[in-house]
Amino acid sequence: MTAEKARGKHTPFSEEVAAVIRSIPPGKVATYGQVAALAGNRFAARQVVRVLHAMSEREKLPWHRMVNAGGRISLPPGRGYELQKKLLEQEGVVFDETDRINLDVYLWK
């Protein structure tokens, strides 16, 4: 563990990721790669996942607005999938018959 993590501090990239995620409005979604690019590193989609895991609860990030590049929820059934889908539907996001979100309609731009 780095000294920054031990003190509860975050890297500038992590802080930027959190700021971008906070900017996603209700009823819209963003992809991990999109957030990585907006935070300054288009190759860091996996780091966005780590930031979400580490900071979502403490920083009250709207984690449920994050989906994969295919417009799907990445969490598996029984491990958050149902809650994420419910939260998105409450914001007006519609899923098709294959549980995919139409990114042409719901992707935050």
PDB file of N, CA and C in Angstrom:
ATOM      1  N   MET A   1       0.846  -1.178   0.000  1.00  0.00           N
ATOM      2  CA  MET A   1       0.000   0.000   0.000  1.00  0.00           C
ATOM      3  C   MET A   1       0.888   1.237   0.000  1.00  0.00           C
ATOM      4  N   THR A   2       0.521   2.209  -0.819  1.00  0.00           N
ATOM      5  CA  THR A   2       1.303   3.433  -0.866  1.00  0.00           C
ATOM      6  C   THR A   2       0.978   4.307   0.339  1.00  0.00           C
ATOM      7  N   ALA A   3       1.877   5.226   0.621  1.00  0.00           N
ATOM      8  CA  ALA A   3       1.648   6.140   1.740  1.00  0.00           C
ATOM      9  C   ALA A   3       0.408   6.986   1.504  1.00  0.00           C
ATOM     10  N   GLU A   4       0.156   7.378   0.226  1.00  0.00           N
ATOM     11  CA  GLU A   4      -1.043   8.176  -0.078  1.00  0.00           C
ATOM     12  C   GLU A   4      -2.312   7.414   0.280  1.00  0.00           C
ATOM     13  N   LYS A   5      -2.357   6.127  -0.118  1.00  0.00           N
ATOM     14  CA  LYS A   5      -3.547   5.326   0.192  1.00  0.00           C
ATOM     15  C   LYS A   5      -3.717   5.169   1.691  1.00  0.00           C
ATOM     16  N   ALA A   6      -2.620   4.958   2.395  1.00  0.00           N
ATOM     17  CA  ALA A   6      -2.698   4.765   3.842  1.00  0.00           C
ATOM     18  C   ALA A   6      -3.253   6.005   4.532  1.00  0.00           C
ATOM     19  N   ARG A   7      -2.963   7.188   3.993  1.00  0.00           N
ATOM     20  CA  ARG A   7      -3.467   8.432   4.587  1.00  0.00           C
ATOM     21  C   ARG A   7      -4.845   8.808   4.058  1.00  0.00           C
ATOM     22  N   GLY A   8      -5.395   7.996   3.156  1.00  0.00           N
ATOM     23  CA  GLY A   8      -6.715   8.298   2.625  1.00  0.00           C
ATOM     24  C   GLY A   8      -6.708   9.317   1.506  1.00  0.00           C
ATOM     25  N   LYS A   9      -5.531   9.609   0.958  1.00  0.00           N
ATOM     26  CA  LYS A   9      -5.430  10.554  -0.148  1.00  0.00           C
ATOM     27  C   LYS A   9      -5.496   9.792  -1.458  1.00  0.00           C
ATOM     28  N   HIS A  10      -5.826  10.512  -2.491  1.00  0.00           N
ATOM     29  CA  HIS A  10      -5.972   9.893  -3.802  1.00  0.00           C
ATOM     30  C   HIS A  10      -5.042  10.569  -4.798  1.00  0.00           C
ATOM     31  N   THR A  11      -4.720   9.858  -5.841  1.00  0.00           N
ATOM     32  CA  THR A  11      -3.885  10.417  -6.894  1.00  0.00           C
ATOM     33  C   THR A  11      -4.668  11.483  -7.650  1.00  0.00           C
ATOM     34  N   PRO A  12      -3.973  12.362  -8.342  1.00  0.00           N
ATOM     35  CA  PRO A  12      -4.689  13.356  -9.165  1.00  0.00           C
ATOM     36  C   PRO A  12      -5.621  12.682 -10.182  1.00  0.00           C
ATOM     37  N   PHE A  13      -5.190  11.567 -10.769  1.00  0.00           N
ATOM     38  CA  PHE A  13      -6.057  10.868 -11.720  1.00  0.00           C
ATOM     39  C   PHE A  13      -7.322  10.370 -11.025  1.00  0.00           C
ATOM     40  N   SER A  14      -7.186   9.789  -9.853  1.00  0.00           N
ATOM     41  CA  SER A  14      -8.358   9.304  -9.105  1.00  0.00           C
ATOM     42  C   SER A  14      -9.318  10.443  -8.795  1.00  0.00           C
ATOM     43  N   GLU A  15      -8.779  11.573  -8.386  1.00  0.00           N
ATOM     44  CA  GLU A  15      -9.624  12.732  -8.088  1.00  0.00           C
ATOM     45  C   GLU A  15     -10.343  13.220  -9.347  1.00  0.00           C
ATOM     46  N   GLU A  16      -9.645  13.192 -10.475  1.00  0.00           N
ATOM     47  CA  GLU A  16     -10.261  13.627 -11.726  1.00  0.00           C
ATOM     48  C   GLU A  16     -11.358  12.655 -12.153  1.00  0.00           C
ATOM     49  N   VAL A  17     -11.103  11.358 -11.992  1.00  0.00           N
ATOM     50  CA  VAL A  17     -12.120  10.344 -12.295  1.00  0.00           C
ATOM     51  C   VAL A  17     -13.363  10.594 -11.451  1.00  0.00           C
ATOM     52  N   ALA A  18     -13.174  10.821 -10.171  1.00  0.00           N
ATOM     53  CA  ALA A  18     -14.307  11.076  -9.277  1.00  0.00           C
ATOM     54  C   ALA A  18     -15.075  12.321  -9.723  1.00  0.00           C
ATOM     55  N   ALA A  19     -14.362  13.373 -10.110  1.00  0.00           N
ATOM     56  CA  ALA A  19     -15.021  14.603 -10.563  1.00  0.00           C
ATOM     57  C   ALA A  19     -15.840  14.354 -11.827  1.00  0.00           C
ATOM     58  N   VAL A  20     -15.287  13.577 -12.748  1.00  0.00           N
ATOM     59  CA  VAL A  20     -16.018  13.270 -13.986  1.00  0.00           C
ATOM     60  C   VAL A  20     -17.279  12.466 -13.656  1.00  0.00           C
ATOM     61  N   ILE A  21     -17.152  11.464 -12.812  1.00  0.00           N
ATOM     62  CA  ILE A  21     -18.308  10.627 -12.462  1.00  0.00           C
ATOM     63  C   ILE A  21     -19.391  11.471 -11.782  1.00  0.00           C
ATOM     64  N   ARG A  22     -18.986  12.391 -10.920  1.00  0.00           N
ATOM     65  CA  ARG A  22     -19.965  13.274 -10.269  1.00  0.00           C
ATOM     66  C   ARG A  22     -20.725  14.131 -11.283  1.00  0.00           C
ATOM     67  N   SER A  23     -20.120  14.359 -12.442  1.00  0.00           N
ATOM     68  CA  SER A  23     -20.722  15.214 -13.463  1.00  0.00           C
ATOM     69  C   SER A  23     -21.780  14.517 -14.316  1.00  0.00           C
ATOM     70  N   ILE A  24     -21.849  13.199 -14.246  1.00  0.00           N
ATOM     71  CA  ILE A  24     -22.821  12.465 -15.068  1.00  0.00           C
ATOM     72  C   ILE A  24     -24.218  12.765 -14.528  1.00  0.00           C
ATOM     73  N   PRO A  25     -25.081  13.345 -15.350  1.00  0.00           N
ATOM     74  CA  PRO A  25     -26.409  13.717 -14.842  1.00  0.00           C
ATOM     75  C   PRO A  25     -27.348  12.513 -14.715  1.00  0.00           C
ATOM     76  N   PRO A  26     -28.351  12.641 -13.873  1.00  0.00           N
ATOM     77  CA  PRO A  26     -29.363  11.584 -13.779  1.00  0.00           C
ATOM     78  C   PRO A  26     -29.973  11.313 -15.152  1.00  0.00           C
ATOM     79  N   GLY A  27     -30.235  10.045 -15.419  1.00  0.00           N
ATOM     80  CA  GLY A  27     -30.842   9.661 -16.689  1.00  0.00           C
ATOM     81  C   GLY A  27     -29.843   9.461 -17.806  1.00  0.00           C
ATOM     82  N   LYS A  28     -28.568   9.622 -17.510  1.00  0.00           N
ATOM     83  CA  LYS A  28     -27.508   9.400 -18.486  1.00  0.00           C
ATOM     84  C   LYS A  28     -26.510   8.396 -17.927  1.00  0.00           C
ATOM     85  N   VAL A  29     -25.741   7.784 -18.808  1.00  0.00           N
ATOM     86  CA  VAL A  29     -24.699   6.849 -18.404  1.00  0.00           C
ATOM     87  C   VAL A  29     -23.398   7.248 -19.087  1.00  0.00           C
ATOM     88  N   ALA A  30     -22.299   6.745 -18.555  1.00  0.00           N
ATOM     89  CA  ALA A  30     -20.987   6.933 -19.175  1.00  0.00           C
ATOM     90  C   ALA A  30     -20.288   5.586 -19.164  1.00  0.00           C
ATOM     91  N   THR A  31     -19.366   5.424 -20.099  1.00  0.00           N
ATOM     92  CA  THR A  31     -18.588   4.178 -20.136  1.00  0.00           C
ATOM     93  C   THR A  31     -17.285   4.394 -19.370  1.00  0.00           C
ATOM     94  N   TYR A  32     -16.691   3.285 -18.962  1.00  0.00           N
ATOM     95  CA  TYR A  32     -15.426   3.342 -18.228  1.00  0.00           C
ATOM     96  C   TYR A  32     -14.347   4.019 -19.073  1.00  0.00           C
ATOM     97  N   GLY A  33     -14.281   3.679 -20.339  1.00  0.00           N
ATOM     98  CA  GLY A  33     -13.297   4.279 -21.228  1.00  0.00           C
ATOM     99  C   GLY A  33     -13.539   5.760 -21.444  1.00  0.00           C
ATOM    100  N   GLN A  34     -14.792   6.152 -21.532  1.00  0.00           N
ATOM    101  CA  GLN A  34     -15.144   7.566 -21.694  1.00  0.00           C
ATOM    102  C   GLN A  34     -14.668   8.364 -20.489  1.00  0.00           C
ATOM    103  N   VAL A  35     -14.931   7.853 -19.297  1.00  0.00           N
ATOM    104  CA  VAL A  35     -14.510   8.548 -18.080  1.00  0.00           C
ATOM    105  C   VAL A  35     -12.989   8.605 -18.008  1.00  0.00           C
ATOM    106  N   ALA A  36     -12.320   7.523 -18.360  1.00  0.00           N
ATOM    107  CA  ALA A  36     -10.855   7.514 -18.356  1.00  0.00           C
ATOM    108  C   ALA A  36     -10.314   8.605 -19.280  1.00  0.00           C
ATOM    109  N   ALA A  37     -10.877   8.698 -20.473  1.00  0.00           N
ATOM    110  CA  ALA A  37     -10.418   9.710 -21.432  1.00  0.00           C
ATOM    111  C   ALA A  37     -10.670  11.115 -20.899  1.00  0.00           C
ATOM    112  N   LEU A  38     -11.841  11.357 -20.354  1.00  0.00           N
ATOM    113  CA  LEU A  38     -12.154  12.682 -19.817  1.00  0.00           C
ATOM    114  C   LEU A  38     -11.282  13.033 -18.619  1.00  0.00           C
ATOM    115  N   ALA A  39     -10.825  11.999 -17.892  1.00  0.00           N
ATOM    116  CA  ALA A  39      -9.956  12.220 -16.729  1.00  0.00           C
ATOM    117  C   ALA A  39      -8.489  12.350 -17.122  1.00  0.00           C
ATOM    118  N   GLY A  40      -8.187  12.146 -18.409  1.00  0.00           N
ATOM    119  CA  GLY A  40      -6.831  12.389 -18.872  1.00  0.00           C
ATOM    120  C   GLY A  40      -6.026  11.197 -19.339  1.00  0.00           C
ATOM    121  N   ASN A  41      -6.620   9.988 -19.311  1.00  0.00           N
ATOM    122  CA  ASN A  41      -5.879   8.812 -19.770  1.00  0.00           C
ATOM    123  C   ASN A  41      -6.845   7.844 -20.433  1.00  0.00           C
ATOM    124  N   ARG A  42      -6.944   7.931 -21.745  1.00  0.00           N
ATOM    125  CA  ARG A  42      -7.928   7.120 -22.464  1.00  0.00           C
ATOM    126  C   ARG A  42      -7.658   5.626 -22.382  1.00  0.00           C
ATOM    127  N   PHE A  43      -6.485   5.236 -21.888  1.00  0.00           N
ATOM    128  CA  PHE A  43      -6.140   3.820 -21.769  1.00  0.00           C
ATOM    129  C   PHE A  43      -6.387   3.269 -20.364  1.00  0.00           C
ATOM    130  N   ALA A  44      -7.034   4.031 -19.503  1.00  0.00           N
ATOM    131  CA  ALA A  44      -7.128   3.672 -18.093  1.00  0.00           C
ATOM    132  C   ALA A  44      -8.527   3.238 -17.647  1.00  0.00           C
ATOM    133  N   ALA A  45      -9.272   2.580 -18.513  1.00  0.00           N
ATOM    134  CA  ALA A  45     -10.628   2.147 -18.140  1.00  0.00           C
ATOM    135  C   ALA A  45     -10.612   1.244 -16.912  1.00  0.00           C
ATOM    136  N   ARG A  46      -9.637   0.370 -16.811  1.00  0.00           N
ATOM    137  CA  ARG A  46      -9.567  -0.519 -15.637  1.00  0.00           C
ATOM    138  C   ARG A  46      -9.274   0.250 -14.353  1.00  0.00           C
ATOM    139  N   GLN A  47      -8.513   1.317 -14.469  1.00  0.00           N
ATOM    140  CA  GLN A  47      -8.262   2.140 -13.287  1.00  0.00           C
ATOM    141  C   GLN A  47      -9.533   2.857 -12.845  1.00  0.00           C
ATOM    142  N   VAL A  48     -10.401   3.193 -13.787  1.00  0.00           N
ATOM    143  CA  VAL A  48     -11.691   3.793 -13.438  1.00  0.00           C
ATOM    144  C   VAL A  48     -12.490   2.815 -12.578  1.00  0.00           C
ATOM    145  N   VAL A  49     -12.452   1.552 -12.940  1.00  0.00           N
ATOM    146  CA  VAL A  49     -13.136   0.528 -12.144  1.00  0.00           C
ATOM    147  C   VAL A  49     -12.560   0.502 -10.726  1.00  0.00           C
ATOM    148  N   ARG A  50     -11.260   0.569 -10.610  1.00  0.00           N
ATOM    149  CA  ARG A  50     -10.616   0.559  -9.284  1.00  0.00           C
ATOM    150  C   ARG A  50     -11.013   1.788  -8.462  1.00  0.00           C
ATOM    151  N   VAL A  51     -11.044   2.930  -9.117  1.00  0.00           N
ATOM    152  CA  VAL A  51     -11.453   4.148  -8.416  1.00  0.00           C
ATOM    153  C   VAL A  51     -12.891   4.009  -7.925  1.00  0.00           C
ATOM    154  N   LEU A  52     -13.766   3.503  -8.773  1.00  0.00           N
ATOM    155  CA  LEU A  52     -15.158   3.287  -8.356  1.00  0.00           C
ATOM    156  C   LEU A  52     -15.230   2.373  -7.139  1.00  0.00           C
ATOM    157  N   HIS A  53     -14.482   1.300  -7.186  1.00  0.00           N
ATOM    158  CA  HIS A  53     -14.497   0.341  -6.076  1.00  0.00           C
ATOM    159  C   HIS A  53     -13.990   0.997  -4.784  1.00  0.00           C
ATOM    160  N   ALA A  54     -12.943   1.782  -4.898  1.00  0.00           N
ATOM    161  CA  ALA A  54     -12.318   2.373  -3.724  1.00  0.00           C
ATOM    162  C   ALA A  54     -13.042   3.610  -3.190  1.00  0.00           C
ATOM    163  N   MET A  55     -13.698   4.371  -4.060  1.00  0.00           N
ATOM    164  CA  MET A  55     -14.193   5.677  -3.649  1.00  0.00           C
ATOM    165  C   MET A  55     -15.704   5.861  -3.688  1.00  0.00           C
ATOM    166  N   SER A  56     -16.441   4.980  -4.335  1.00  0.00           N
ATOM    167  CA  SER A  56     -17.877   5.216  -4.558  1.00  0.00           C
ATOM    168  C   SER A  56     -18.659   5.512  -3.292  1.00  0.00           C
ATOM    169  N   GLU A  57     -18.520   4.666  -2.311  1.00  0.00           N
ATOM    170  CA  GLU A  57     -19.324   4.834  -1.104  1.00  0.00           C
ATOM    171  C   GLU A  57     -18.884   6.069  -0.317  1.00  0.00           C
ATOM    172  N   ARG A  58     -17.606   6.172  -0.062  1.00  0.00           N
ATOM    173  CA  ARG A  58     -17.082   7.276   0.748  1.00  0.00           C
ATOM    174  C   ARG A  58     -17.325   8.631   0.080  1.00  0.00           C
ATOM    175  N   GLU A  59     -17.156   8.691  -1.234  1.00  0.00           N
ATOM    176  CA  GLU A  59     -17.303   9.950  -1.965  1.00  0.00           C
ATOM    177  C   GLU A  59     -18.716  10.156  -2.514  1.00  0.00           C
ATOM    178  N   LYS A  60     -19.593   9.195  -2.263  1.00  0.00           N
ATOM    179  CA  LYS A  60     -20.984   9.257  -2.727  1.00  0.00           C
ATOM    180  C   LYS A  60     -21.074   9.485  -4.245  1.00  0.00           C
ATOM    181  N   LEU A  61     -20.291   8.691  -4.978  1.00  0.00           N
ATOM    182  CA  LEU A  61     -20.286   8.791  -6.433  1.00  0.00           C
ATOM    183  C   LEU A  61     -21.510   8.078  -7.012  1.00  0.00           C
ATOM    184  N   PRO A  62     -22.081   8.599  -8.084  1.00  0.00           N
ATOM    185  CA  PRO A  62     -23.207   7.921  -8.733  1.00  0.00           C
ATOM    186  C   PRO A  62     -22.696   6.742  -9.583  1.00  0.00           C
ATOM    187  N   TRP A  63     -22.173   5.751  -8.897  1.00  0.00           N
ATOM    188  CA  TRP A  63     -21.547   4.577  -9.520  1.00  0.00           C
ATOM    189  C   TRP A  63     -22.472   3.871 -10.486  1.00  0.00           C
ATOM    190  N   HIS A  64     -23.764   3.936 -10.215  1.00  0.00           N
ATOM    191  CA  HIS A  64     -24.739   3.198 -11.026  1.00  0.00           C
ATOM    192  C   HIS A  64     -24.844   3.737 -12.448  1.00  0.00           C
ATOM    193  N   ARG A  65     -24.291   4.914 -12.705  1.00  0.00           N
ATOM    194  CA  ARG A  65     -24.357   5.496 -14.054  1.00  0.00           C
ATOM    195  C   ARG A  65     -23.209   5.044 -14.948  1.00  0.00           C
ATOM    196  N   MET A  66     -22.403   4.119 -14.460  1.00  0.00           N
ATOM    197  CA  MET A  66     -21.263   3.606 -15.231  1.00  0.00           C
ATOM    198  C   MET A  66     -21.629   2.263 -15.867  1.00  0.00           C
ATOM    199  N   VAL A  67     -21.392   2.164 -17.182  1.00  0.00           N
ATOM    200  CA  VAL A  67     -21.657   0.922 -17.915  1.00  0.00           C
ATOM    201  C   VAL A  67     -20.473   0.631 -18.838  1.00  0.00           C
ATOM    202  N   ASN A  68     -20.464  -0.564 -19.397  1.00  0.00           N
ATOM    203  CA  ASN A  68     -19.366  -0.901 -20.307  1.00  0.00           C
ATOM    204  C   ASN A  68     -19.641  -0.329 -21.703  1.00  0.00           C
ATOM    205  N   ALA A  69     -18.662  -0.470 -22.573  1.00  0.00           N
ATOM    206  CA  ALA A  69     -18.744   0.129 -23.915  1.00  0.00           C
ATOM    207  C   ALA A  69     -19.858  -0.463 -24.761  1.00  0.00           C
ATOM    208  N   GLY A  70     -20.370  -1.631 -24.370  1.00  0.00           N
ATOM    209  CA  GLY A  70     -21.479  -2.244 -25.085  1.00  0.00           C
ATOM    210  C   GLY A  70     -22.842  -1.802 -24.577  1.00  0.00           C
ATOM    211  N   GLY A  71     -22.852  -0.885 -23.599  1.00  0.00           N
ATOM    212  CA  GLY A  71     -24.121  -0.418 -23.047  1.00  0.00           C
ATOM    213  C   GLY A  71     -24.730  -1.382 -22.053  1.00  0.00           C
ATOM    214  N   ARG A  72     -23.883  -2.172 -21.431  1.00  0.00           N
ATOM    215  CA  ARG A  72     -24.362  -3.175 -20.471  1.00  0.00           C
ATOM    216  C   ARG A  72     -23.779  -2.923 -19.084  1.00  0.00           C
ATOM    217  N   ILE A  73     -24.506  -3.383 -18.102  1.00  0.00           N
ATOM    218  CA  ILE A  73     -24.027  -3.359 -16.726  1.00  0.00           C
ATOM    219  C   ILE A  73     -22.960  -4.437 -16.600  1.00  0.00           C
ATOM    220  N   SER A  74     -21.830  -4.078 -16.000  1.00  0.00           N
ATOM    221  CA  SER A  74     -20.735  -5.035 -15.871  1.00  0.00           C
ATOM    222  C   SER A  74     -20.837  -5.911 -14.626  1.00  0.00           C
ATOM    223  N   LEU A  75     -21.580  -5.465 -13.631  1.00  0.00           N
ATOM    224  CA  LEU A  75     -21.722  -6.275 -12.416  1.00  0.00           C
ATOM    225  C   LEU A  75     -22.523  -7.536 -12.716  1.00  0.00           C
ATOM    226  N   PRO A  76     -22.134  -8.656 -12.133  1.00  0.00           N
ATOM    227  CA  PRO A  76     -22.873  -9.894 -12.379  1.00  0.00           C
ATOM    228  C   PRO A  76     -24.179  -9.951 -11.578  1.00  0.00           C
ATOM    229  N   PRO A  77     -25.136 -10.731 -12.062  1.00  0.00           N
ATOM    230  CA  PRO A  77     -26.369 -10.936 -11.298  1.00  0.00           C
ATOM    231  C   PRO A  77     -26.046 -11.452  -9.891  1.00  0.00           C
ATOM    232  N   GLY A  78     -26.754 -10.921  -8.920  1.00  0.00           N
ATOM    233  CA  GLY A  78     -26.538 -11.313  -7.540  1.00  0.00           C
ATOM    234  C   GLY A  78     -25.391 -10.575  -6.862  1.00  0.00           C
ATOM    235  N   ARG A  79     -24.677  -9.731  -7.606  1.00  0.00           N
ATOM    236  CA  ARG A  79     -23.541  -8.990  -7.042  1.00  0.00           C
ATOM    237  C   ARG A  79     -23.615  -7.509  -7.400  1.00  0.00           C
ATOM    238  N   GLY A  80     -24.834  -6.987  -7.493  1.00  0.00           N
ATOM    239  CA  GLY A  80     -25.025  -5.576  -7.743  1.00  0.00           C
ATOM    240  C   GLY A  80     -25.764  -5.252  -9.027  1.00  0.00           C
ATOM    241  N   TYR A  81     -25.868  -6.227  -9.912  1.00  0.00           N
ATOM    242  CA  TYR A  81     -26.519  -6.008 -11.206  1.00  0.00           C
ATOM    243  C   TYR A  81     -27.943  -5.482 -11.031  1.00  0.00           C
ATOM    244  N   GLU A  82     -28.713  -6.166 -10.212  1.00  0.00           N
ATOM    245  CA  GLU A  82     -30.131  -5.816 -10.047  1.00  0.00           C
ATOM    246  C   GLU A  82     -30.304  -4.419  -9.454  1.00  0.00           C
ATOM    247  N   LEU A  83     -29.469  -4.073  -8.472  1.00  0.00           N
ATOM    248  CA  LEU A  83     -29.559  -2.744  -7.865  1.00  0.00           C
ATOM    249  C   LEU A  83     -29.196  -1.670  -8.880  1.00  0.00           C
ATOM    250  N   GLN A  84     -28.134  -1.889  -9.649  1.00  0.00           N
ATOM    251  CA  GLN A  84     -27.731  -0.900 -10.642  1.00  0.00           C
ATOM    252  C   GLN A  84     -28.822  -0.708 -11.686  1.00  0.00           C
ATOM    253  N   LYS A  85     -29.396  -1.793 -12.150  1.00  0.00           N
ATOM    254  CA  LYS A  85     -30.466  -1.690 -13.147  1.00  0.00           C
ATOM    255  C   LYS A  85     -31.670  -0.937 -12.572  1.00  0.00           C
ATOM    256  N   LYS A  86     -32.033  -1.243 -11.350  1.00  0.00           N
ATOM    257  CA  LYS A  86     -33.168  -0.577 -10.701  1.00  0.00           C
ATOM    258  C   LYS A  86     -32.913   0.927 -10.565  1.00  0.00           C
ATOM    259  N   LEU A  87     -31.707   1.306 -10.132  1.00  0.00           N
ATOM    260  CA  LEU A  87     -31.380   2.718  -9.978  1.00  0.00           C
ATOM    261  C   LEU A  87     -31.416   3.453 -11.318  1.00  0.00           C
ATOM    262  N   LEU A  88     -30.899   2.814 -12.362  1.00  0.00           N
ATOM    263  CA  LEU A  88     -30.935   3.440 -13.685  1.00  0.00           C
ATOM    264  C   LEU A  88     -32.368   3.572 -14.193  1.00  0.00           C
ATOM    265  N   GLU A  89     -33.162   2.537 -14.021  1.00  0.00           N
ATOM    266  CA  GLU A  89     -34.566   2.600 -14.457  1.00  0.00           C
ATOM    267  C   GLU A  89     -35.326   3.690 -13.703  1.00  0.00           C
ATOM    268  N   GLN A  90     -35.015   3.882 -12.423  1.00  0.00           N
ATOM    269  CA  GLN A  90     -35.657   4.948 -11.651  1.00  0.00           C
ATOM    270  C   GLN A  90     -35.322   6.324 -12.199  1.00  0.00           C
ATOM    271  N   GLU A  91     -34.193   6.434 -12.904  1.00  0.00           N
ATOM    272  CA  GLU A  91     -33.796   7.700 -13.517  1.00  0.00           C
ATOM    273  C   GLU A  91     -34.291   7.818 -14.954  1.00  0.00           C
ATOM    274  N   GLY A  92     -35.046   6.811 -15.420  1.00  0.00           N
ATOM    275  CA  GLY A  92     -35.617   6.875 -16.755  1.00  0.00           C
ATOM    276  C   GLY A  92     -34.820   6.178 -17.842  1.00  0.00           C
ATOM    277  N   VAL A  93     -33.731   5.520 -17.478  1.00  0.00           N
ATOM    278  CA  VAL A  93     -32.935   4.787 -18.462  1.00  0.00           C
ATOM    279  C   VAL A  93     -33.678   3.510 -18.828  1.00  0.00           C
ATOM    280  N   VAL A  94     -33.806   3.253 -20.121  1.00  0.00           N
ATOM    281  CA  VAL A  94     -34.548   2.103 -20.621  1.00  0.00           C
ATOM    282  C   VAL A  94     -33.570   1.044 -21.118  1.00  0.00           C
ATOM    283  N   PHE A  95     -33.862  -0.200 -20.784  1.00  0.00           N
ATOM    284  CA  PHE A  95     -33.082  -1.347 -21.246  1.00  0.00           C
ATOM    285  C   PHE A  95     -33.875  -2.053 -22.331  1.00  0.00           C
ATOM    286  N   ASP A  96     -33.172  -2.582 -23.332  1.00  0.00           N
ATOM    287  CA  ASP A  96     -33.883  -3.350 -24.360  1.00  0.00           C
ATOM    288  C   ASP A  96     -34.101  -4.784 -23.875  1.00  0.00           C
ATOM    289  N   GLU A  97     -34.632  -5.620 -24.747  1.00  0.00           N
ATOM    290  CA  GLU A  97     -34.967  -6.997 -24.363  1.00  0.00           C
ATOM    291  C   GLU A  97     -33.747  -7.843 -24.018  1.00  0.00           C
ATOM    292  N   THR A  98     -32.547  -7.366 -24.369  1.00  0.00           N
ATOM    293  CA  THR A  98     -31.316  -8.084 -24.010  1.00  0.00           C
ATOM    294  C   THR A  98     -30.585  -7.394 -22.856  1.00  0.00           C
ATOM    295  N   ASP A  99     -31.280  -6.503 -22.166  1.00  0.00           N
ATOM    296  CA  ASP A  99     -30.724  -5.739 -21.040  1.00  0.00           C
ATOM    297  C   ASP A  99     -29.585  -4.810 -21.441  1.00  0.00           C
ATOM    298  N   ARG A 100     -29.663  -4.287 -22.631  1.00  0.00           N
ATOM    299  CA  ARG A 100     -28.677  -3.343 -23.142  1.00  0.00           C
ATOM    300  C   ARG A 100     -29.287  -1.948 -23.132  1.00  0.00           C
ATOM    301  N   ILE A 101     -28.446  -0.954 -22.857  1.00  0.00           N
ATOM    302  CA  ILE A 101     -28.845   0.448 -22.889  1.00  0.00           C
ATOM    303  C   ILE A 101     -28.436   1.021 -24.236  1.00  0.00           C
ATOM    304  N   ASN A 102     -29.338   1.736 -24.877  1.00  0.00           N
ATOM    305  CA  ASN A 102     -29.031   2.369 -26.150  1.00  0.00           C
ATOM    306  C   ASN A 102     -28.141   3.585 -25.878  1.00  0.00           C
ATOM    307  N   LEU A 103     -26.855   3.453 -26.190  1.00  0.00           N
ATOM    308  CA  LEU A 103     -25.918   4.537 -25.913  1.00  0.00           C
ATOM    309  C   LEU A 103     -26.153   5.749 -26.801  1.00  0.00           C
ATOM    310  N   ASP A 104     -26.792   5.566 -27.952  1.00  0.00           N
ATOM    311  CA  ASP A 104     -27.128   6.716 -28.797  1.00  0.00           C
ATOM    312  C   ASP A 104     -28.109   7.643 -28.073  1.00  0.00           C
ATOM    313  N   VAL A 105     -28.898   7.074 -27.182  1.00  0.00           N
ATOM    314  CA  VAL A 105     -29.907   7.848 -26.456  1.00  0.00           C
ATOM    315  C   VAL A 105     -29.420   8.280 -25.073  1.00  0.00           C
ATOM    316  N   TYR A 106     -28.778   7.373 -24.342  1.00  0.00           N
ATOM    317  CA  TYR A 106     -28.502   7.601 -22.916  1.00  0.00           C
ATOM    318  C   TYR A 106     -27.058   7.933 -22.581  1.00  0.00           C
ATOM    319  N   LEU A 107     -26.139   7.862 -23.553  1.00  0.00           N
ATOM    320  CA  LEU A 107     -24.749   8.175 -23.252  1.00  0.00           C
ATOM    321  C   LEU A 107     -24.591   9.664 -22.983  1.00  0.00           C
ATOM    322  N   TRP A 108     -23.960   9.985 -21.879  1.00  0.00           N
ATOM    323  CA  TRP A 108     -23.673  11.369 -21.516  1.00  0.00           C
ATOM    324  C   TRP A 108     -22.620  11.920 -22.455  1.00  0.00           C
ATOM    325  N   LYS A 109     -22.876  13.083 -22.990  1.00  0.00           N
ATOM    326  CA  LYS A 109     -21.933  13.713 -23.933  1.00  0.00           C
ATOM    327  C   LYS A 109     -21.532  15.075 -23.434  1.00  0.00           C
TER     328      LYS A 109
END
